[in-house]
C-alpha cells in the first residue's frame, strides 16, 4: 500500500517508494530504498522535495496523528531543560587568573548594540580575509593583529550578550568562511562567560574561534567557487586542515599554545570518534571541547548549497542528542549562553501564531522575547507584535518549533533578517 507524506513525517524503517519533485532538489541517486540510517533521514528531511511516497507493505507506516491535529503543519522537537532538581555541578575546568584585561563596559539595549555589532562584524570580516590570505601565502599570523577584533567582539557581548550572535544567525550574505569564523568566535566568548572563565582565557577562546579553520587556507581548494563554503569539498579533502592549521599557527610563535591547539583538536570528540588523532575525554583541551560545540552548532544552522541550515533551537536539540560526542558540562553552559530557543529560532505559540525569537530573557532562557509574523488560523502574514514571554503572565507561550516553509512561507532568510532588524530597533 502506497501513502504520500511530507518529508518531515519520514521516519527510520520506512520504505521510500518515490520522491516527488525535481531530482535536483535532493541528493539521492536511487528513488526506492529502505530508510535505515539517521544521516540519510536527516538529508531527506532537509531536502526540498515536495512529498515522499512510502510503501507501508515493505516498511514502517506513518505514526497516527492525535485527535485535533488534522491539517496542521508539523511541530518540531523542542529541547527541554530540566525544570526540577539542582543544575548540573560545573566542575573547575582550569586554573585561570582573574586579572581583568578587557575594559569594562556598560550594558546597552538591543537597538544600539545591533548597529555597533554590524560595524564589529565588518571589521572582523576584513581581518579574517587578511588572515586567510596570509595563510595561503605562508606568512605567519600575528596575535597583535587579531586581538583588537577579539576585544571588539568581547565588548559587544559585554554590552549585550545576544546582539552580535543574533546578527550572525540572521545575516548570512557574505562568504561562509568569514561569517563562520566570526560566529564561532562570538559563541566561544559567550560560552566562556557562561562558564565563568577568567578574562585571559575568554580572550583566547575568542581568538581560537576566529582561527580554528585557518588550515583551510593551506588546502588545494578554490574557495571562490563556492563562496567560501569549504563544506562543498567533502570530508576527505578537509581532513588535513586541523594539522595544517596547527602547524601554521605554531610557525610564527606569537599565537598562544592553547589557541593553536584548538586548530588541531576542534574535530576531536569525547568518545574518541573524532580526528585527527582520535583522542578522547579530558585529553582534549578545554578550549577545544568548547570549540567542538560552537563549531558544530554554527555548521548545523548555516545554509549550504545542498540543504537549508537547521532552525537554531532544533540545532540545540541535535547537539543534545549526539550522545558521547561533547562534554556535558560545557554543553549545558552553551545552552545557558545561547538559550534553549536561540535568536533566529521560529516557534509556534499557544495563540496559533508563528514568531521569531529576537532576544533572550536573562532570568529564563526558556521564555525569550519573540516577534509574531504569521497567523496559522488565517494562513497569512500578520502585523508583527513583540512579546516578552517571561513577562506576559501566561497570556501566550511556546508550544513547539515550526518550519516556515511548511506554512507556505518562502525565502524565509530575508524575512528573518527584516524581522530581527525591526525588533532590534523597537527594543531601543
Protein backbone atom coordinates (compact mmCIF):
# COMPACT_ATOMS: atom_id res chain seq x y z
CA UNK A 1 0.00 0.00 0.00
CA UNK A 2 1.38 3.39 -1.04
CA UNK A 3 0.98 6.54 1.06
CA UNK A 4 2.08 10.11 0.34
CA UNK A 5 3.56 12.03 3.29
CA UNK A 6 5.52 15.24 3.93
CA UNK A 7 9.35 14.93 4.17
CA UNK A 8 9.11 15.97 7.82
CA UNK A 9 6.99 12.87 8.58
CA UNK A 10 9.55 10.38 7.31
CA UNK A 11 11.00 8.05 9.97
CA UNK A 12 13.63 5.33 10.11
CA UNK A 13 12.28 1.96 8.96
CA UNK A 14 10.08 3.40 6.21
CA UNK A 15 10.41 2.12 2.63
CA UNK A 16 10.71 5.05 0.23
CA UNK A 17 8.85 4.23 -2.99
CA UNK A 18 9.13 7.62 -4.70
CA UNK A 19 10.49 11.12 -4.13
CA UNK A 20 8.15 13.73 -5.62
CA UNK A 21 9.76 16.82 -7.09
CA UNK A 22 12.81 17.63 -9.18
CA UNK A 23 15.78 15.30 -8.77
CA UNK A 24 17.90 18.45 -8.44
CA UNK A 25 16.25 19.10 -5.07
CA UNK A 26 17.62 16.04 -3.31
CA UNK A 27 20.99 14.20 -3.06
CA UNK A 28 19.71 10.63 -3.60
CA UNK A 29 20.72 8.65 -6.69
CA UNK A 30 18.05 5.97 -6.17
CA UNK A 31 14.33 6.55 -5.66
CA UNK A 32 13.35 3.31 -3.90
CA UNK A 33 15.10 2.23 -0.72
CA UNK A 34 14.61 1.23 2.90
CA UNK A 35 15.50 4.10 5.21
CA UNK A 36 17.93 2.60 7.69
CA UNK A 37 20.40 5.27 8.86
CA UNK A 38 19.94 8.63 10.58
CA UNK A 39 22.24 10.55 8.22
CA UNK A 40 20.10 9.63 5.21
CA UNK A 41 16.99 10.51 7.23
CA UNK A 42 18.38 13.97 8.00
CA UNK A 43 19.29 14.56 4.35
CA UNK A 44 15.80 13.54 3.24
CA UNK A 45 14.02 15.74 5.79
CA UNK A 46 16.21 18.70 4.87
CA UNK A 47 15.80 18.26 1.10
CA UNK A 48 13.48 20.46 -0.96
CA UNK A 49 11.32 17.66 -2.38
CA UNK A 50 7.55 18.19 -2.43
CA UNK A 51 6.50 14.88 -0.87
CA UNK A 52 7.59 11.30 -0.19
CA UNK A 53 5.61 8.23 -1.25
CA UNK A 54 6.18 5.31 1.11
CA UNK A 55 5.22 1.65 0.72
CA UNK A 56 3.82 0.54 4.08
CA UNK A 57 3.80 -3.12 2.97
CA UNK A 58 7.60 -3.04 2.84
CA UNK A 59 8.36 -0.81 5.79
CA UNK A 60 7.08 1.24 8.69
CA UNK A 61 3.83 3.20 8.39
CA UNK A 62 3.47 6.85 9.41
CA UNK A 63 2.53 7.29 13.06
CA UNK A 64 -1.15 8.15 13.58
CA UNK A 65 -1.92 11.75 14.49
CA UNK A 66 -3.53 12.64 17.75
CA UNK A 67 -7.05 14.00 17.59
CA UNK A 68 -7.32 17.66 16.69
CA UNK A 69 -4.10 17.66 14.65
CA UNK A 70 -5.51 17.06 11.19
CA UNK A 71 -4.37 19.56 8.60
CA UNK A 72 -1.78 21.16 10.84
CA UNK A 73 1.83 21.62 9.79
CA UNK A 74 4.30 19.58 11.83
CA UNK A 75 5.75 20.98 15.03
CA UNK A 76 9.40 20.15 15.54
CA UNK A 77 11.13 18.75 18.57
CA UNK A 78 11.89 21.05 21.47
CA UNK A 79 14.88 20.99 23.79
CA UNK A 80 13.53 20.62 27.32
CA UNK A 81 15.98 21.59 30.06
CA UNK A 82 15.23 20.00 33.46
CA UNK A 83 12.74 22.04 35.45
CA UNK A 84 13.28 20.31 38.79
CA UNK A 85 16.32 19.45 40.83
CA UNK A 86 19.66 21.27 41.01
CA UNK A 87 21.55 22.28 37.90
CA UNK A 88 24.49 20.03 37.00
CA UNK A 89 27.52 20.94 39.07
CA UNK A 90 30.04 22.63 36.87
CA UNK A 91 33.50 21.27 37.64
CA UNK A 92 36.50 23.56 37.80
CA UNK A 93 37.97 23.17 34.35
CA UNK A 94 41.06 25.35 34.60
CA UNK A 95 43.13 27.39 36.97
CA UNK A 96 42.69 30.82 35.49
CA UNK A 97 43.86 34.14 36.83
CA UNK A 98 41.16 36.76 37.14
CA UNK A 99 43.24 39.81 36.39
CA UNK A 100 40.96 41.79 34.08
CA UNK A 101 42.47 42.50 30.67
CA UNK A 102 39.28 43.66 28.94
CA UNK A 103 37.87 47.11 29.52
CA UNK A 104 34.62 47.02 31.47
CA UNK A 105 31.58 48.16 29.50
CA UNK A 106 28.09 49.24 30.43
CA UNK A 107 25.17 47.15 29.20
CA UNK A 108 23.26 48.61 26.24
CA UNK A 109 19.91 47.90 24.63
CA UNK A 110 19.49 45.62 21.63
CA UNK A 111 18.82 48.50 19.21
CA UNK A 112 22.01 50.39 19.97
CA UNK A 113 24.18 47.30 20.14
CA UNK A 114 22.77 45.87 16.91
CA UNK A 115 24.24 48.80 15.00
CA UNK A 116 27.59 48.54 16.75
CA UNK A 117 27.65 44.76 16.17
CA UNK A 118 27.29 45.37 12.43
CA UNK A 119 30.39 47.57 12.49
CA UNK A 120 32.33 45.00 14.50
CA UNK A 121 31.34 42.28 12.02
CA UNK A 122 32.56 44.34 9.05
CA UNK A 123 35.94 44.93 10.67
CA UNK A 124 36.13 41.28 11.62
CA UNK A 125 35.42 40.09 8.08
CA UNK A 126 38.32 42.19 6.76
CA UNK A 127 40.65 40.74 9.38
CA UNK A 128 39.63 37.12 8.73
CA UNK A 129 40.07 37.70 4.98
CA UNK A 130 43.57 39.02 5.63
CA UNK A 131 44.45 36.09 7.90
CA UNK A 132 43.34 33.51 5.34
CA UNK A 133 45.24 35.31 2.59
CA UNK A 134 48.35 35.36 4.77
CA UNK A 135 47.83 31.66 5.39
CA UNK A 136 47.80 30.93 1.67
CA UNK A 137 50.95 32.99 1.19
CA UNK A 138 52.70 31.26 4.08
CA UNK A 139 53.01 34.42 6.19
CA UNK A 140 52.79 33.97 9.96
CA UNK A 141 49.76 35.43 11.71
CA UNK A 142 50.49 37.98 14.41
CA UNK A 143 48.40 37.81 17.59
CA UNK A 144 48.54 41.60 17.88
CA UNK A 145 46.55 41.87 14.63
CA UNK A 146 43.82 39.55 15.90
CA UNK A 147 43.44 40.88 19.45
CA UNK A 148 41.69 44.19 18.55
CA UNK A 149 38.84 42.34 16.82
CA UNK A 150 38.57 39.88 19.73
CA UNK A 151 38.36 42.87 22.10
CA UNK A 152 35.63 44.39 19.90
CA UNK A 153 33.58 41.19 19.93
CA UNK A 154 34.09 40.75 23.67
CA UNK A 155 32.96 44.33 24.30
CA UNK A 156 29.86 43.78 22.16
CA UNK A 157 28.98 40.62 24.11
CA UNK A 158 29.54 42.52 27.36
CA UNK A 159 27.26 45.37 26.32
CA UNK A 160 24.54 43.00 25.12
CA UNK A 161 25.12 39.23 25.29
CA UNK A 162 22.87 38.39 22.33
CA UNK A 163 23.12 41.19 19.73
CA UNK A 164 26.28 40.01 17.94
CA UNK A 165 25.30 36.34 17.98
CA UNK A 166 21.81 37.27 16.80
CA UNK A 167 23.29 39.23 13.90
CA UNK A 168 25.39 36.21 12.90
CA UNK A 169 22.31 33.97 12.99
CA UNK A 170 20.15 36.27 10.90
CA UNK A 171 22.63 37.75 8.42
CA UNK A 172 24.23 35.27 6.04
CA UNK A 173 25.08 37.16 2.85
CA UNK A 174 28.89 37.13 2.95
CA UNK A 175 31.47 34.43 2.37
CA UNK A 176 30.77 31.46 4.61
CA UNK A 177 34.33 31.13 5.85
CA UNK A 178 34.36 34.69 7.25
CA UNK A 179 30.90 34.52 8.77
CA UNK A 180 31.63 31.12 10.32
CA UNK A 181 34.87 32.34 11.91
CA UNK A 182 33.19 35.40 13.41
CA UNK A 183 30.18 33.43 14.62
CA UNK A 184 32.31 30.77 16.32
CA UNK A 185 34.48 33.46 17.91
CA UNK A 186 31.44 35.20 19.40
CA UNK A 187 29.95 31.89 20.53
CA UNK A 188 33.23 30.96 22.22
CA UNK A 189 33.28 34.27 24.09
CA UNK A 190 29.66 33.87 25.19
CA UNK A 191 30.33 30.29 26.28
CA UNK A 192 33.45 31.35 28.19
CA UNK A 193 31.40 33.94 30.05
CA UNK A 194 28.72 31.35 30.88
CA UNK A 195 31.46 29.03 32.18
CA UNK A 196 32.83 31.93 34.29
CA UNK A 197 36.31 31.60 32.84
CA UNK A 198 38.88 34.29 33.52
CA UNK A 199 39.32 37.19 31.07
CA UNK A 200 42.62 35.89 29.64
CA UNK A 201 41.09 32.54 28.80
CA UNK A 202 37.96 34.14 27.34
CA UNK A 203 40.21 36.22 25.09
CA UNK A 204 41.99 33.07 23.95
CA UNK A 205 38.64 31.35 23.42
CA UNK A 206 37.55 34.14 21.08
CA UNK A 207 40.87 34.07 19.24
CA UNK A 208 40.66 30.29 18.89
CA UNK A 209 37.17 30.56 17.38
CA UNK A 210 38.41 33.09 14.86
CA UNK A 211 41.40 30.97 13.80
CA UNK A 212 40.31 27.35 14.22
CA UNK A 213 39.77 26.77 10.48
CA UNK A 214 42.82 28.69 9.24
CA UNK A 215 44.27 25.42 7.92
CA UNK A 216 41.61 25.51 5.17
CA UNK A 217 43.76 28.16 3.52
CA UNK A 218 46.55 25.62 3.04
CA UNK A 219 44.40 23.09 1.20
CA UNK A 220 44.38 22.95 -2.63
CA UNK A 221 40.87 24.41 -2.85
CA UNK A 222 39.42 27.33 -4.79
CA UNK A 223 37.11 28.82 -2.17
CA UNK A 224 35.86 31.48 -4.57
CA UNK A 225 33.99 28.75 -6.47
CA UNK A 226 31.68 28.08 -3.52
CA UNK A 227 31.51 31.48 -1.77
CA UNK A 228 33.98 30.27 0.83
CA UNK A 229 31.83 27.30 1.87
CA UNK A 230 34.53 24.64 2.15
CA UNK A 231 31.94 22.03 3.19
CA UNK A 232 31.24 21.60 -0.52
CA UNK A 233 34.54 19.74 -0.97
CA UNK A 234 33.72 16.87 1.40
CA UNK A 235 35.42 15.42 4.48
CA UNK A 236 38.13 13.54 2.58
CA UNK A 237 39.68 16.76 1.26
CA UNK A 238 39.20 18.67 4.52
CA UNK A 239 40.69 16.07 6.85
CA UNK A 240 44.18 17.60 6.98
CA UNK A 241 43.09 21.16 7.76
CA UNK A 242 43.47 20.53 11.50
CA UNK A 243 47.16 19.61 11.39
CA UNK A 244 47.90 22.22 8.71
CA UNK A 245 46.24 24.94 10.80
CA UNK A 246 48.09 23.89 13.95
CA UNK A 247 51.47 23.88 12.20
CA UNK A 248 50.73 27.27 10.66
CA UNK A 249 49.76 28.92 13.95
CA UNK A 250 52.81 27.46 15.69
CA UNK A 251 55.09 28.68 12.91
CA UNK A 252 55.11 32.33 13.90
CA UNK A 253 55.43 31.77 17.64
CA UNK A 254 53.13 34.66 18.55
CA UNK A 255 49.87 32.71 18.99
CA UNK A 256 49.17 31.23 22.46
CA UNK A 257 49.67 27.47 22.61
CA UNK A 258 46.11 26.76 23.77
CA UNK A 259 44.76 28.74 20.78
CA UNK A 260 46.88 26.79 18.30
CA UNK A 261 45.81 23.53 19.95
CA UNK A 262 42.16 24.30 19.14
CA UNK A 263 43.00 24.36 15.42
CA UNK A 264 44.31 20.80 15.88
CA UNK A 265 41.65 19.39 18.21
CA UNK A 266 38.30 21.05 17.42
CA UNK A 267 37.14 17.94 15.49
CA UNK A 268 38.09 15.53 18.30
CA UNK A 269 35.17 14.06 20.25
CA UNK A 270 34.74 12.96 23.86
CA UNK A 271 34.12 9.33 22.84
CA UNK A 272 37.26 9.16 20.68
CA UNK A 273 35.37 9.19 17.36
CA UNK A 274 36.89 12.44 16.09
CA UNK A 275 40.03 13.35 14.16
CA UNK A 276 42.95 13.76 13.53
CA UNK A 277 44.19 11.59 16.42
CA UNK A 278 41.03 10.06 17.92
CA UNK A 279 41.83 11.26 21.43
CA UNK A 280 39.02 11.31 23.97
CA UNK A 281 37.73 12.80 27.22
CA UNK A 282 39.90 15.24 29.11
CA UNK A 283 42.85 14.52 26.83
CA UNK A 284 41.11 17.10 24.64
CA UNK A 285 41.85 20.64 25.83
CA UNK A 286 39.09 22.69 27.44
CA UNK A 287 39.08 25.29 24.66
CA UNK A 288 38.94 22.51 22.06
CA UNK A 289 35.95 20.93 23.82
CA UNK A 290 34.25 24.32 23.76
CA UNK A 291 35.13 24.81 20.09
CA UNK A 292 33.74 21.38 19.14
CA UNK A 293 30.30 22.53 20.33
CA UNK A 294 30.41 26.08 18.93
CA UNK A 295 31.78 24.94 15.56
CA UNK A 296 29.24 22.13 15.17
CA UNK A 297 26.34 24.37 16.19
CA UNK A 298 27.21 27.03 13.62
CA UNK A 299 27.66 24.40 10.92
CA UNK A 300 24.21 22.99 11.72
CA UNK A 301 22.40 26.33 11.48
CA UNK A 302 24.15 27.62 8.36
CA UNK A 303 22.70 27.02 4.89
CA UNK A 304 24.72 25.24 2.23
CA UNK A 305 24.05 24.72 -1.46
CA UNK A 306 22.77 21.21 -0.64
CA UNK A 307 20.44 21.93 2.24
CA UNK A 308 18.93 24.58 4.47
CA UNK A 309 20.50 25.08 7.87
CA UNK A 310 18.59 23.85 10.89
CA UNK A 311 16.47 26.17 12.98
CA UNK A 312 18.75 27.27 15.88
CA UNK A 313 16.56 25.63 18.52
CA UNK A 314 16.50 22.40 16.51
CA UNK A 315 20.30 22.57 16.34
CA UNK A 316 20.40 22.72 20.15
CA UNK A 317 18.28 19.55 20.18
CA UNK A 318 20.63 17.89 17.70
CA UNK A 319 23.66 18.70 19.88
CA UNK A 320 21.95 17.24 22.94
CA UNK A 321 21.22 14.03 21.02
CA UNK A 322 24.82 13.50 19.88
CA UNK A 323 25.42 11.33 22.93
CA UNK A 324 29.02 10.95 23.98
CA UNK A 325 30.35 13.48 21.48
CA UNK A 326 30.54 16.60 23.66
CA UNK A 327 31.47 17.48 27.22
CA UNK A 328 28.08 17.51 29.02
CA UNK A 329 29.03 20.28 31.46
CA UNK A 330 30.24 22.53 28.65
CA UNK A 331 27.15 21.71 26.55
CA UNK A 332 24.91 22.72 29.48
CA UNK A 333 26.79 26.02 29.70
CA UNK A 334 26.40 26.51 25.94
CA UNK A 335 22.61 26.14 26.18
CA UNK A 336 22.66 28.64 29.03
CA UNK A 337 24.66 31.04 26.84
CA UNK A 338 22.55 30.88 23.65
CA UNK A 339 19.20 29.93 25.21
CA UNK A 340 17.03 26.87 24.70
CA UNK A 341 15.47 28.90 21.88
CA UNK A 342 18.42 30.83 20.37
CA UNK A 343 17.88 34.06 18.47
CA UNK A 344 16.67 33.28 14.96
CA UNK A 345 14.54 30.29 16.04
CA UNK A 346 10.99 30.07 14.68
CA UNK A 347 8.46 28.99 17.30
CA UNK A 348 4.78 28.19 17.32
CA UNK A 349 2.86 29.95 20.07
CA UNK A 350 -0.14 28.73 22.02
CA UNK A 351 -2.08 31.56 20.33
CA UNK A 352 -1.64 29.74 16.98
CA UNK A 353 0.85 32.25 15.63
CA UNK A 354 4.39 31.81 14.34
CA UNK A 355 7.04 34.02 15.88
CA UNK A 356 10.77 34.68 15.57
CA UNK A 357 12.94 34.64 18.69
CA UNK A 358 14.63 38.07 18.74
CA UNK A 359 16.12 38.35 22.23
CA UNK A 360 16.69 36.37 25.42
CA UNK A 361 15.43 36.92 28.93
CA UNK A 362 18.44 36.96 31.27
CA UNK A 363 16.46 35.22 34.03
CA UNK A 364 14.89 32.42 31.96
CA UNK A 365 16.35 31.17 28.66
CA UNK A 366 13.18 29.15 28.01
CA UNK A 367 11.00 32.26 27.72
CA UNK A 368 12.62 34.63 25.21
CA UNK A 369 11.31 37.77 23.54
CA UNK A 370 9.60 36.95 20.24
CA UNK A 371 8.13 38.85 17.28
CA UNK A 372 4.99 37.34 15.74
CA UNK A 373 4.59 37.39 11.95
CA UNK A 374 2.09 34.71 10.81
CA UNK A 375 -1.39 33.53 11.79
CA UNK A 376 -1.85 29.77 11.48
CA UNK A 377 -5.65 30.05 11.61
CA UNK A 378 -5.78 32.71 8.87
CA UNK A 379 -2.86 31.20 6.92
CA UNK A 380 -1.39 34.63 6.22
CA UNK A 381 1.18 37.15 7.40
CA UNK A 382 0.06 39.47 10.19
CA UNK A 383 1.12 42.75 11.76
CA UNK A 384 4.13 41.89 13.94
CA UNK A 385 3.82 42.06 17.70
CA UNK A 386 6.71 41.87 20.16
CA UNK A 387 6.03 39.66 23.19
CA UNK A 388 8.27 39.20 26.20
CA UNK A 389 7.10 35.70 27.13
CA UNK A 390 8.67 35.79 30.59
CA UNK A 391 6.52 38.82 31.46
CA UNK A 392 3.22 38.24 29.64
CA UNK A 393 1.65 36.48 32.66
CA UNK A 394 0.76 33.32 30.76
CA UNK A 395 -1.23 35.03 28.01
CA UNK A 396 0.97 33.26 25.46
CA UNK A 397 3.71 30.62 25.45
CA UNK A 398 5.82 28.46 23.14
CA UNK A 399 4.16 25.21 22.13
CA UNK A 400 6.92 23.98 19.80
CA UNK A 401 9.23 24.74 16.92
CA UNK A 402 7.96 25.35 13.40
CA UNK A 403 9.22 25.29 9.83
CA UNK A 404 8.05 28.42 7.94
CA UNK A 405 8.11 26.55 4.61
CA UNK A 406 5.53 24.11 5.96
CA UNK A 407 3.16 27.10 6.07
CA UNK A 408 3.96 28.24 2.54
CA UNK A 409 6.44 30.95 3.57
CA UNK A 410 9.26 31.01 1.00
CA UNK A 411 12.69 32.65 1.19
CA UNK A 412 12.40 32.98 4.94
CA UNK A 413 16.06 34.07 5.35
CA UNK A 414 15.25 37.58 4.07
CA UNK A 415 12.12 37.83 6.21
CA UNK A 416 14.07 36.68 9.27
CA UNK A 417 16.64 39.47 8.83
CA UNK A 418 13.87 42.08 8.40
CA UNK A 419 12.05 40.86 11.50
CA UNK A 420 15.22 40.77 13.59
CA UNK A 421 16.33 44.22 12.44
CA UNK A 422 12.92 45.77 13.15
CA UNK A 423 12.67 44.08 16.54
CA UNK A 424 16.16 45.25 17.48
CA UNK A 425 15.29 48.85 16.63
CA UNK A 426 11.98 48.61 18.50
CA UNK A 427 13.79 47.38 21.62
CA UNK A 428 15.88 50.52 21.86
